[in-house]
Amino acid sequence: MAHFIDIWINCPDRQTAKKIAAACIEARLAACANILAPVSSLYRWQGKVESAEEVPLLLKTRAAHFDAVCETVRPLHPYDTPSIVATALDDIDQRYADWLRKETKEPA
């Protein structure tokens, strides 16, 4: 099992991404947050094809914090069903891993 993950969250705007990023960093659930350039999203929602401009947010953290990040994100995110997706980091530079470990709290 991977000890570290990147979590990708699509946000409706930059303000929402910053609010979520700040909450996760402040709670030490993530060591770093990248707020990326807006993307065009095309998706199916409630039986219809929709499109929207979204701002991707990338959080770098420990795998053990995934559930806590989800619980932090949901009340701050305006979507009924926000996309919160983790990618395992199987190969990671040891210095980077040490930094991630240092900058996030120990799992409960």
PDB file of N, CA and C in Angstrom:
ATOM      1  N   MET A   1       0.830  -1.184   0.000  1.00  0.00           N
ATOM      2  CA  MET A   1       0.000   0.000   0.000  1.00  0.00           C
ATOM      3  C   MET A   1       0.874   1.247   0.000  1.00  0.00           C
ATOM      4  N   ALA A   2       0.470   2.232  -0.771  1.00  0.00           N
ATOM      5  CA  ALA A   2       1.204   3.491  -0.821  1.00  0.00           C
ATOM      6  C   ALA A   2       0.993   4.264   0.481  1.00  0.00           C
ATOM      7  N   HIS A   3       2.026   4.902   0.936  1.00  0.00           N
ATOM      8  CA  HIS A   3       1.929   5.699   2.154  1.00  0.00           C
ATOM      9  C   HIS A   3       1.516   7.137   1.860  1.00  0.00           C
ATOM     10  N   PHE A   4       1.708   7.558   0.604  1.00  0.00           N
ATOM     11  CA  PHE A   4       1.417   8.936   0.227  1.00  0.00           C
ATOM     12  C   PHE A   4       0.520   8.958  -1.004  1.00  0.00           C
ATOM     13  N   ILE A   5      -0.279  10.024  -1.108  1.00  0.00           N
ATOM     14  CA  ILE A   5      -1.209  10.172  -2.224  1.00  0.00           C
ATOM     15  C   ILE A   5      -1.255  11.625  -2.682  1.00  0.00           C
ATOM     16  N   ASP A   6      -1.700  11.810  -3.907  1.00  0.00           N
ATOM     17  CA  ASP A   6      -2.137  13.104  -4.405  1.00  0.00           C
ATOM     18  C   ASP A   6      -3.648  13.027  -4.481  1.00  0.00           C
ATOM     19  N   ILE A   7      -4.326  14.054  -4.016  1.00  0.00           N
ATOM     20  CA  ILE A   7      -5.788  14.100  -4.083  1.00  0.00           C
ATOM     21  C   ILE A   7      -6.194  15.211  -5.043  1.00  0.00           C
ATOM     22  N   TRP A   8      -6.993  14.859  -6.026  1.00  0.00           N
ATOM     23  CA  TRP A   8      -7.475  15.775  -7.053  1.00  0.00           C
ATOM     24  C   TRP A   8      -8.926  16.116  -6.727  1.00  0.00           C
ATOM     25  N   ILE A   9      -9.221  17.420  -6.641  1.00  0.00           N
ATOM     26  CA  ILE A   9     -10.576  17.888  -6.360  1.00  0.00           C
ATOM     27  C   ILE A   9     -10.904  18.981  -7.373  1.00  0.00           C
ATOM     28  N   ASN A  10     -11.970  18.807  -8.140  1.00  0.00           N
ATOM     29  CA  ASN A  10     -12.397  19.863  -9.053  1.00  0.00           C
ATOM     30  C   ASN A  10     -13.313  20.817  -8.300  1.00  0.00           C
ATOM     31  N   CYS A  11     -13.009  22.107  -8.403  1.00  0.00           N
ATOM     32  CA  CYS A  11     -13.765  23.147  -7.707  1.00  0.00           C
ATOM     33  C   CYS A  11     -14.434  24.058  -8.737  1.00  0.00           C
ATOM     34  N   PRO A  12     -15.542  24.698  -8.363  1.00  0.00           N
ATOM     35  CA  PRO A  12     -16.232  25.558  -9.323  1.00  0.00           C
ATOM     36  C   PRO A  12     -15.505  26.870  -9.597  1.00  0.00           C
ATOM     37  N   ASP A  13     -14.606  27.255  -8.685  1.00  0.00           N
ATOM     38  CA  ASP A  13     -13.890  28.525  -8.851  1.00  0.00           C
ATOM     39  C   ASP A  13     -12.631  28.535  -7.982  1.00  0.00           C
ATOM     40  N   ARG A  14     -11.809  29.541  -8.217  1.00  0.00           N
ATOM     41  CA  ARG A  14     -10.540  29.675  -7.502  1.00  0.00           C
ATOM     42  C   ARG A  14     -10.756  29.923  -6.003  1.00  0.00           C
ATOM     43  N   GLN A  15     -11.774  30.681  -5.659  1.00  0.00           N
ATOM     44  CA  GLN A  15     -12.060  30.989  -4.265  1.00  0.00           C
ATOM     45  C   GLN A  15     -12.361  29.719  -3.468  1.00  0.00           C
ATOM     46  N   THR A  16     -13.162  28.835  -4.027  1.00  0.00           N
ATOM     47  CA  THR A  16     -13.470  27.565  -3.363  1.00  0.00           C
ATOM     48  C   THR A  16     -12.208  26.728  -3.218  1.00  0.00           C
ATOM     49  N   ALA A  17     -11.392  26.668  -4.264  1.00  0.00           N
ATOM     50  CA  ALA A  17     -10.143  25.895  -4.206  1.00  0.00           C
ATOM     51  C   ALA A  17      -9.229  26.436  -3.111  1.00  0.00           C
ATOM     52  N   LYS A  18      -9.116  27.755  -3.008  1.00  0.00           N
ATOM     53  CA  LYS A  18      -8.262  28.356  -1.973  1.00  0.00           C
ATOM     54  C   LYS A  18      -8.791  28.058  -0.575  1.00  0.00           C
ATOM     55  N   LYS A  19     -10.108  28.110  -0.404  1.00  0.00           N
ATOM     56  CA  LYS A  19     -10.716  27.852   0.901  1.00  0.00           C
ATOM     57  C   LYS A  19     -10.456  26.406   1.333  1.00  0.00           C
ATOM     58  N   ILE A  20     -10.633  25.469   0.425  1.00  0.00           N
ATOM     59  CA  ILE A  20     -10.393  24.053   0.728  1.00  0.00           C
ATOM     60  C   ILE A  20      -8.916  23.809   0.992  1.00  0.00           C
ATOM     61  N   ALA A  21      -8.062  24.388   0.158  1.00  0.00           N
ATOM     62  CA  ALA A  21      -6.613  24.224   0.330  1.00  0.00           C
ATOM     63  C   ALA A  21      -6.177  24.742   1.694  1.00  0.00           C
ATOM     64  N   ALA A  22      -6.631  25.931   2.063  1.00  0.00           N
ATOM     65  CA  ALA A  22      -6.245  26.530   3.346  1.00  0.00           C
ATOM     66  C   ALA A  22      -6.713  25.662   4.517  1.00  0.00           C
ATOM     67  N   ALA A  23      -7.929  25.149   4.441  1.00  0.00           N
ATOM     68  CA  ALA A  23      -8.448  24.309   5.533  1.00  0.00           C
ATOM     69  C   ALA A  23      -7.618  23.036   5.695  1.00  0.00           C
ATOM     70  N   CYS A  24      -7.250  22.420   4.579  1.00  0.00           N
ATOM     71  CA  CYS A  24      -6.473  21.169   4.636  1.00  0.00           C
ATOM     72  C   CYS A  24      -5.042  21.404   5.098  1.00  0.00           C
ATOM     73  N   ILE A  25      -4.441  22.507   4.662  1.00  0.00           N
ATOM     74  CA  ILE A  25      -3.075  22.828   5.091  1.00  0.00           C
ATOM     75  C   ILE A  25      -3.073  23.190   6.577  1.00  0.00           C
ATOM     76  N   GLU A  26      -4.029  24.028   6.978  1.00  0.00           N
ATOM     77  CA  GLU A  26      -4.086  24.458   8.373  1.00  0.00           C
ATOM     78  C   GLU A  26      -4.303  23.278   9.321  1.00  0.00           C
ATOM     79  N   ALA A  27      -5.130  22.325   8.921  1.00  0.00           N
ATOM     80  CA  ALA A  27      -5.385  21.139   9.747  1.00  0.00           C
ATOM     81  C   ALA A  27      -4.267  20.104   9.645  1.00  0.00           C
ATOM     82  N   ARG A  28      -3.255  20.402   8.848  1.00  0.00           N
ATOM     83  CA  ARG A  28      -2.115  19.504   8.615  1.00  0.00           C
ATOM     84  C   ARG A  28      -2.552  18.168   8.003  1.00  0.00           C
ATOM     85  N   LEU A  29      -3.630  18.236   7.223  1.00  0.00           N
ATOM     86  CA  LEU A  29      -4.089  17.060   6.472  1.00  0.00           C
ATOM     87  C   LEU A  29      -3.390  16.976   5.123  1.00  0.00           C
ATOM     88  N   ALA A  30      -2.776  18.058   4.702  1.00  0.00           N
ATOM     89  CA  ALA A  30      -2.005  18.094   3.461  1.00  0.00           C
ATOM     90  C   ALA A  30      -0.781  18.959   3.687  1.00  0.00           C
ATOM     91  N   ALA A  31       0.302  18.605   3.035  1.00  0.00           N
ATOM     92  CA  ALA A  31       1.535  19.372   3.144  1.00  0.00           C
ATOM     93  C   ALA A  31       1.586  20.488   2.112  1.00  0.00           C
ATOM     94  N   CYS A  32       0.871  20.294   1.004  1.00  0.00           N
ATOM     95  CA  CYS A  32       0.952  21.234  -0.107  1.00  0.00           C
ATOM     96  C   CYS A  32      -0.350  21.180  -0.897  1.00  0.00           C
ATOM     97  N   ALA A  33      -0.697  22.318  -1.468  1.00  0.00           N
ATOM     98  CA  ALA A  33      -1.862  22.386  -2.352  1.00  0.00           C
ATOM     99  C   ALA A  33      -1.469  23.141  -3.612  1.00  0.00           C
ATOM    100  N   ASN A  34      -1.797  22.577  -4.753  1.00  0.00           N
ATOM    101  CA  ASN A  34      -1.603  23.256  -6.026  1.00  0.00           C
ATOM    102  C   ASN A  34      -2.974  23.615  -6.580  1.00  0.00           C
ATOM    103  N   ILE A  35      -3.160  24.886  -6.860  1.00  0.00           N
ATOM    104  CA  ILE A  35      -4.392  25.343  -7.499  1.00  0.00           C
ATOM    105  C   ILE A  35      -4.034  25.587  -8.960  1.00  0.00           C
ATOM    106  N   LEU A  36      -4.642  24.791  -9.822  1.00  0.00           N
ATOM    107  CA  LEU A  36      -4.257  24.772 -11.232  1.00  0.00           C
ATOM    108  C   LEU A  36      -5.113  25.715 -12.067  1.00  0.00           C
ATOM    109  N   ALA A  37      -4.740  25.854 -13.318  1.00  0.00           N
ATOM    110  CA  ALA A  37      -5.485  26.695 -14.251  1.00  0.00           C
ATOM    111  C   ALA A  37      -6.853  26.086 -14.529  1.00  0.00           C
ATOM    112  N   PRO A  38      -7.843  26.910 -14.786  1.00  0.00           N
ATOM    113  CA  PRO A  38      -9.182  26.388 -15.075  1.00  0.00           C
ATOM    114  C   PRO A  38      -9.175  25.413 -16.257  1.00  0.00           C
ATOM    115  N   VAL A  39     -10.080  24.454 -16.176  1.00  0.00           N
ATOM    116  CA  VAL A  39     -10.263  23.465 -17.239  1.00  0.00           C
ATOM    117  C   VAL A  39     -11.736  23.450 -17.634  1.00  0.00           C
ATOM    118  N   SER A  40     -12.001  23.025 -18.837  1.00  0.00           N
ATOM    119  CA  SER A  40     -13.382  22.831 -19.282  1.00  0.00           C
ATOM    120  C   SER A  40     -13.771  21.389 -18.999  1.00  0.00           C
ATOM    121  N   SER A  41     -14.874  21.207 -18.289  1.00  0.00           N
ATOM    122  CA  SER A  41     -15.348  19.871 -17.946  1.00  0.00           C
ATOM    123  C   SER A  41     -16.672  19.606 -18.654  1.00  0.00           C
ATOM    124  N   LEU A  42     -16.794  18.406 -19.169  1.00  0.00           N
ATOM    125  CA  LEU A  42     -18.022  17.928 -19.794  1.00  0.00           C
ATOM    126  C   LEU A  42     -18.389  16.653 -19.059  1.00  0.00           C
ATOM    127  N   TYR A  43     -19.618  16.576 -18.544  1.00  0.00           N
ATOM    128  CA  TYR A  43     -19.984  15.451 -17.691  1.00  0.00           C
ATOM    129  C   TYR A  43     -21.496  15.215 -17.731  1.00  0.00           C
ATOM    130  N   ARG A  44     -21.888  14.043 -17.284  1.00  0.00           N
ATOM    131  CA  ARG A  44     -23.305  13.703 -17.183  1.00  0.00           C
ATOM    132  C   ARG A  44     -23.719  13.923 -15.725  1.00  0.00           C
ATOM    133  N   TRP A  45     -24.828  14.674 -15.522  1.00  0.00           N
ATOM    134  CA  TRP A  45     -25.333  14.935 -14.182  1.00  0.00           C
ATOM    135  C   TRP A  45     -26.851  14.914 -14.218  1.00  0.00           C
ATOM    136  N   GLN A  46     -27.413  14.039 -13.406  1.00  0.00           N
ATOM    137  CA  GLN A  46     -28.856  13.892 -13.279  1.00  0.00           C
ATOM    138  C   GLN A  46     -29.540  13.707 -14.637  1.00  0.00           C
ATOM    139  N   GLY A  47     -28.933  12.838 -15.453  1.00  0.00           N
ATOM    140  CA  GLY A  47     -29.510  12.461 -16.730  1.00  0.00           C
ATOM    141  C   GLY A  47     -29.261  13.410 -17.883  1.00  0.00           C
ATOM    142  N   LYS A  48     -28.529  14.480 -17.645  1.00  0.00           N
ATOM    143  CA  LYS A  48     -28.249  15.444 -18.710  1.00  0.00           C
ATOM    144  C   LYS A  48     -26.744  15.628 -18.858  1.00  0.00           C
ATOM    145  N   VAL A  49     -26.339  15.973 -20.080  1.00  0.00           N
ATOM    146  CA  VAL A  49     -24.939  16.319 -20.317  1.00  0.00           C
ATOM    147  C   VAL A  49     -24.765  17.800 -19.969  1.00  0.00           C
ATOM    148  N   GLU A  50     -23.807  18.065 -19.107  1.00  0.00           N
ATOM    149  CA  GLU A  50     -23.527  19.422 -18.636  1.00  0.00           C
ATOM    150  C   GLU A  50     -22.102  19.795 -18.995  1.00  0.00           C
ATOM    151  N   SER A  51     -21.802  21.074 -18.933  1.00  0.00           N
ATOM    152  CA  SER A  51     -20.425  21.535 -19.086  1.00  0.00           C
ATOM    153  C   SER A  51     -20.199  22.698 -18.128  1.00  0.00           C
ATOM    154  N   ALA A  52     -18.969  22.824 -17.681  1.00  0.00           N
ATOM    155  CA  ALA A  52     -18.623  23.894 -16.743  1.00  0.00           C
ATOM    156  C   ALA A  52     -17.125  24.133 -16.788  1.00  0.00           C
ATOM    157  N   GLU A  53     -16.727  25.320 -16.399  1.00  0.00           N
ATOM    158  CA  GLU A  53     -15.314  25.598 -16.183  1.00  0.00           C
ATOM    159  C   GLU A  53     -15.045  25.302 -14.709  1.00  0.00           C
ATOM    160  N   GLU A  54     -14.005  24.524 -14.448  1.00  0.00           N
ATOM    161  CA  GLU A  54     -13.660  24.156 -13.087  1.00  0.00           C
ATOM    162  C   GLU A  54     -12.185  24.443 -12.821  1.00  0.00           C
ATOM    163  N   VAL A  55     -11.859  24.568 -11.538  1.00  0.00           N
ATOM    164  CA  VAL A  55     -10.483  24.814 -11.106  1.00  0.00           C
ATOM    165  C   VAL A  55     -10.004  23.577 -10.350  1.00  0.00           C
ATOM    166  N   PRO A  56      -9.054  22.836 -10.925  1.00  0.00           N
ATOM    167  CA  PRO A  56      -8.523  21.660 -10.236  1.00  0.00           C
ATOM    168  C   PRO A  56      -7.641  22.052  -9.048  1.00  0.00           C
ATOM    169  N   LEU A  57      -7.814  21.325  -7.968  1.00  0.00           N
ATOM    170  CA  LEU A  57      -7.009  21.482  -6.763  1.00  0.00           C
ATOM    171  C   LEU A  57      -6.306  20.154  -6.526  1.00  0.00           C
ATOM    172  N   LEU A  58      -5.003  20.193  -6.300  1.00  0.00           N
ATOM    173  CA  LEU A  58      -4.203  18.998  -6.061  1.00  0.00           C
ATOM    174  C   LEU A  58      -3.588  19.108  -4.670  1.00  0.00           C
ATOM    175  N   LEU A  59      -3.922  18.143  -3.797  1.00  0.00           N
ATOM    176  CA  LEU A  59      -3.374  18.110  -2.438  1.00  0.00           C
ATOM    177  C   LEU A  59      -2.368  16.977  -2.334  1.00  0.00           C
ATOM    178  N   LYS A  60      -1.263  17.229  -1.643  1.00  0.00           N
ATOM    179  CA  LYS A  60      -0.229  16.206  -1.427  1.00  0.00           C
ATOM    180  C   LYS A  60      -0.249  15.831   0.049  1.00  0.00           C
ATOM    181  N   THR A  61      -0.419  14.515   0.324  1.00  0.00           N
ATOM    182  CA  THR A  61      -0.623  14.115   1.706  1.00  0.00           C
ATOM    183  C   THR A  61      -0.313  12.637   1.939  1.00  0.00           C
ATOM    184  N   ARG A  62      -0.564  12.195   3.155  1.00  0.00           N
ATOM    185  CA  ARG A  62      -0.446  10.792   3.527  1.00  0.00           C
ATOM    186  C   ARG A  62      -1.733  10.072   3.126  1.00  0.00           C
ATOM    187  N   ALA A  63      -1.613   8.827   2.723  1.00  0.00           N
ATOM    188  CA  ALA A  63      -2.791   8.038   2.355  1.00  0.00           C
ATOM    189  C   ALA A  63      -3.763   7.916   3.535  1.00  0.00           C
ATOM    190  N   ALA A  64      -3.244   7.866   4.723  1.00  0.00           N
ATOM    191  CA  ALA A  64      -4.087   7.713   5.916  1.00  0.00           C
ATOM    192  C   ALA A  64      -5.011   8.907   6.151  1.00  0.00           C
ATOM    193  N   HIS A  65      -4.746  10.034   5.503  1.00  0.00           N
ATOM    194  CA  HIS A  65      -5.568  11.232   5.698  1.00  0.00           C
ATOM    195  C   HIS A  65      -6.707  11.354   4.691  1.00  0.00           C
ATOM    196  N   PHE A  66      -6.846  10.398   3.773  1.00  0.00           N
ATOM    197  CA  PHE A  66      -7.851  10.542   2.718  1.00  0.00           C
ATOM    198  C   PHE A  66      -9.257  10.768   3.282  1.00  0.00           C
ATOM    199  N   ASP A  67      -9.703   9.944   4.206  1.00  0.00           N
ATOM    200  CA  ASP A  67     -11.054  10.088   4.755  1.00  0.00           C
ATOM    201  C   ASP A  67     -11.239  11.431   5.461  1.00  0.00           C
ATOM    202  N   ALA A  68     -10.240  11.873   6.197  1.00  0.00           N
ATOM    203  CA  ALA A  68     -10.321  13.168   6.891  1.00  0.00           C
ATOM    204  C   ALA A  68     -10.368  14.325   5.890  1.00  0.00           C
ATOM    205  N   VAL A  69      -9.615  14.190   4.801  1.00  0.00           N
ATOM    206  CA  VAL A  69      -9.675  15.229   3.756  1.00  0.00           C
ATOM    207  C   VAL A  69     -11.086  15.271   3.172  1.00  0.00           C
ATOM    208  N   CYS A  70     -11.663  14.123   2.867  1.00  0.00           N
ATOM    209  CA  CYS A  70     -13.037  14.084   2.334  1.00  0.00           C
ATOM    210  C   CYS A  70     -14.008  14.767   3.290  1.00  0.00           C
ATOM    211  N   GLU A  71     -13.890  14.492   4.575  1.00  0.00           N
ATOM    212  CA  GLU A  71     -14.778  15.099   5.570  1.00  0.00           C
ATOM    213  C   GLU A  71     -14.562  16.601   5.686  1.00  0.00           C
ATOM    214  N   THR A  72     -13.353  17.067   5.440  1.00  0.00           N
ATOM    215  CA  THR A  72     -13.060  18.496   5.467  1.00  0.00           C
ATOM    216  C   THR A  72     -13.595  19.181   4.218  1.00  0.00           C
ATOM    217  N   VAL A  73     -13.457  18.526   3.084  1.00  0.00           N
ATOM    218  CA  VAL A  73     -13.851  19.117   1.800  1.00  0.00           C
ATOM    219  C   VAL A  73     -15.367  19.249   1.657  1.00  0.00           C
ATOM    220  N   ARG A  74     -16.109  18.216   1.987  1.00  0.00           N
ATOM    221  CA  ARG A  74     -17.559  18.190   1.694  1.00  0.00           C
ATOM    222  C   ARG A  74     -18.326  19.416   2.185  1.00  0.00           C
ATOM    223  N   PRO A  75     -18.164  19.873   3.437  1.00  0.00           N
ATOM    224  CA  PRO A  75     -18.938  21.050   3.855  1.00  0.00           C
ATOM    225  C   PRO A  75     -18.458  22.364   3.229  1.00  0.00           C
ATOM    226  N   LEU A  76     -17.243  22.385   2.706  1.00  0.00           N
ATOM    227  CA  LEU A  76     -16.699  23.593   2.089  1.00  0.00           C
ATOM    228  C   LEU A  76     -16.967  23.672   0.590  1.00  0.00           C
ATOM    229  N   HIS A  77     -17.379  22.564   0.013  1.00  0.00           N
ATOM    230  CA  HIS A  77     -17.556  22.453  -1.446  1.00  0.00           C
ATOM    231  C   HIS A  77     -19.034  22.613  -1.795  1.00  0.00           C
ATOM    232  N   PRO A  78     -19.363  23.451  -2.766  1.00  0.00           N
ATOM    233  CA  PRO A  78     -20.772  23.675  -3.085  1.00  0.00           C
ATOM    234  C   PRO A  78     -21.452  22.559  -3.886  1.00  0.00           C
ATOM    235  N   TYR A  79     -20.680  21.639  -4.483  1.00  0.00           N
ATOM    236  CA  TYR A  79     -21.295  20.560  -5.262  1.00  0.00           C
ATOM    237  C   TYR A  79     -21.955  19.536  -4.343  1.00  0.00           C
ATOM    238  N   ASP A  80     -23.070  18.964  -4.791  1.00  0.00           N
ATOM    239  CA  ASP A  80     -23.713  17.871  -4.059  1.00  0.00           C
ATOM    240  C   ASP A  80     -22.783  16.660  -3.963  1.00  0.00           C
ATOM    241  N   THR A  81     -22.072  16.394  -5.059  1.00  0.00           N
ATOM    242  CA  THR A  81     -21.178  15.248  -5.137  1.00  0.00           C
ATOM    243  C   THR A  81     -19.825  15.704  -5.693  1.00  0.00           C
ATOM    244  N   PRO A  82     -18.977  16.282  -4.835  1.00  0.00           N
ATOM    245  CA  PRO A  82     -17.677  16.736  -5.355  1.00  0.00           C
ATOM    246  C   PRO A  82     -16.787  15.553  -5.745  1.00  0.00           C
ATOM    247  N   SER A  83     -15.994  15.778  -6.761  1.00  0.00           N
ATOM    248  CA  SER A  83     -15.012  14.779  -7.191  1.00  0.00           C
ATOM    249  C   SER A  83     -13.810  14.884  -6.256  1.00  0.00           C
ATOM    250  N   ILE A  84     -13.570  13.840  -5.490  1.00  0.00           N
ATOM    251  CA  ILE A  84     -12.416  13.771  -4.582  1.00  0.00           C
ATOM    252  C   ILE A  84     -11.747  12.437  -4.880  1.00  0.00           C
ATOM    253  N   VAL A  85     -10.646  12.484  -5.611  1.00  0.00           N
ATOM    254  CA  VAL A  85     -10.028  11.272  -6.144  1.00  0.00           C
ATOM    255  C   VAL A  85      -8.549  11.235  -5.746  1.00  0.00           C
ATOM    256  N   ALA A  86      -8.115  10.105  -5.223  1.00  0.00           N
ATOM    257  CA  ALA A  86      -6.715   9.960  -4.808  1.00  0.00           C
ATOM    258  C   ALA A  86      -5.944   9.082  -5.777  1.00  0.00           C
ATOM    259  N   THR A  87      -4.695   9.451  -5.967  1.00  0.00           N
ATOM    260  CA  THR A  87      -3.750   8.652  -6.746  1.00  0.00           C
ATOM    261  C   THR A  87      -2.602   8.261  -5.821  1.00  0.00           C
ATOM    262  N   ALA A  88      -2.343   6.973  -5.722  1.00  0.00           N
ATOM    263  CA  ALA A  88      -1.253   6.479  -4.876  1.00  0.00           C
ATOM    264  C   ALA A  88       0.099   6.859  -5.471  1.00  0.00           C
ATOM    265  N   LEU A  89       1.009   7.257  -4.604  1.00  0.00           N
ATOM    266  CA  LEU A  89       2.369   7.576  -5.023  1.00  0.00           C
ATOM    267  C   LEU A  89       3.259   6.411  -4.616  1.00  0.00           C
ATOM    268  N   ASP A  90       3.396   5.455  -5.520  1.00  0.00           N
ATOM    269  CA  ASP A  90       4.169   4.256  -5.221  1.00  0.00           C
ATOM    270  C   ASP A  90       5.671   4.508  -5.239  1.00  0.00           C
ATOM    271  N   ASP A  91       6.102   5.333  -6.142  1.00  0.00           N
ATOM    272  CA  ASP A  91       7.525   5.679  -6.241  1.00  0.00           C
ATOM    273  C   ASP A  91       7.662   7.143  -5.877  1.00  0.00           C
ATOM    274  N   ILE A  92       8.435   7.406  -4.813  1.00  0.00           N
ATOM    275  CA  ILE A  92       8.543   8.769  -4.307  1.00  0.00           C
ATOM    276  C   ILE A  92       9.951   8.996  -3.775  1.00  0.00           C
ATOM    277  N   ASP A  93      10.486  10.144  -4.079  1.00  0.00           N
ATOM    278  CA  ASP A  93      11.808  10.519  -3.591  1.00  0.00           C
ATOM    279  C   ASP A  93      11.804  10.550  -2.062  1.00  0.00           C
ATOM    280  N   GLN A  94      12.812  10.002  -1.441  1.00  0.00           N
ATOM    281  CA  GLN A  94      12.839   9.883   0.024  1.00  0.00           C
ATOM    282  C   GLN A  94      12.804  11.251   0.705  1.00  0.00           C
ATOM    283  N   ARG A  95      13.498  12.224   0.175  1.00  0.00           N
ATOM    284  CA  ARG A  95      13.482  13.562   0.785  1.00  0.00           C
ATOM    285  C   ARG A  95      12.084  14.174   0.718  1.00  0.00           C
ATOM    286  N   TYR A  96      11.416  13.969  -0.400  1.00  0.00           N
ATOM    287  CA  TYR A  96      10.048  14.468  -0.552  1.00  0.00           C
ATOM    288  C   TYR A  96       9.119  13.745   0.421  1.00  0.00           C
ATOM    289  N   ALA A  97       9.277  12.440   0.550  1.00  0.00           N
ATOM    290  CA  ALA A  97       8.471  11.665   1.496  1.00  0.00           C
ATOM    291  C   ALA A  97       8.703  12.152   2.928  1.00  0.00           C
ATOM    292  N   ASP A  98       9.938  12.426   3.267  1.00  0.00           N
ATOM    293  CA  ASP A  98      10.258  12.927   4.603  1.00  0.00           C
ATOM    294  C   ASP A  98       9.573  14.272   4.847  1.00  0.00           C
ATOM    295  N   TRP A  99       9.593  15.135   3.828  1.00  0.00           N
ATOM    296  CA  TRP A  99       8.947  16.437   3.939  1.00  0.00           C
ATOM    297  C   TRP A  99       7.432  16.286   4.110  1.00  0.00           C
ATOM    298  N   LEU A 100       6.800  15.416   3.309  1.00  0.00           N
ATOM    299  CA  LEU A 100       5.358  15.179   3.447  1.00  0.00           C
ATOM    300  C   LEU A 100       5.022  14.683   4.852  1.00  0.00           C
ATOM    301  N   ARG A 101       5.828  13.780   5.357  1.00  0.00           N
ATOM    302  CA  ARG A 101       5.617  13.222   6.691  1.00  0.00           C
ATOM    303  C   ARG A 101       5.733  14.325   7.750  1.00  0.00           C
ATOM    304  N   LYS A 102       6.760  15.180   7.607  1.00  0.00           N
ATOM    305  CA  LYS A 102       7.022  16.245   8.579  1.00  0.00           C
ATOM    306  C   LYS A 102       5.905  17.294   8.588  1.00  0.00           C
ATOM    307  N   GLU A 103       5.365  17.599   7.427  1.00  0.00           N
ATOM    308  CA  GLU A 103       4.401  18.700   7.303  1.00  0.00           C
ATOM    309  C   GLU A 103       2.943  18.288   7.469  1.00  0.00           C
ATOM    310  N   THR A 104       2.687  17.006   7.690  1.00  0.00           N
ATOM    311  CA  THR A 104       1.334  16.551   7.978  1.00  0.00           C
ATOM    312  C   THR A 104       1.320  15.895   9.352  1.00  0.00           C
ATOM    313  N   LYS A 105       0.161  15.930   9.962  1.00  0.00           N
ATOM    314  CA  LYS A 105       0.076  15.360  11.317  1.00  0.00           C
ATOM    315  C   LYS A 105       0.093  13.836  11.252  1.00  0.00           C
ATOM    316  N   GLU A 106       0.447  13.236  12.360  1.00  0.00           N
ATOM    317  CA  GLU A 106       0.410  11.777  12.471  1.00  0.00           C
ATOM    318  C   GLU A 106      -1.037  11.323  12.366  1.00  0.00           C
ATOM    319  N   PRO A 107      -1.301  10.249  11.634  1.00  0.00           N
ATOM    320  CA  PRO A 107      -2.672   9.745  11.548  1.00  0.00           C
ATOM    321  C   PRO A 107      -3.196   9.332  12.918  1.00  0.00           C
ATOM    322  N   ALA A 108      -4.492   9.494  13.087  1.00  0.00           N
ATOM    323  CA  ALA A 108      -5.128   9.145  14.385  1.00  0.00           C
ATOM    324  C   ALA A 108      -5.096   7.650  14.628  1.00  0.00           C
TER     325      ALA A 108
END
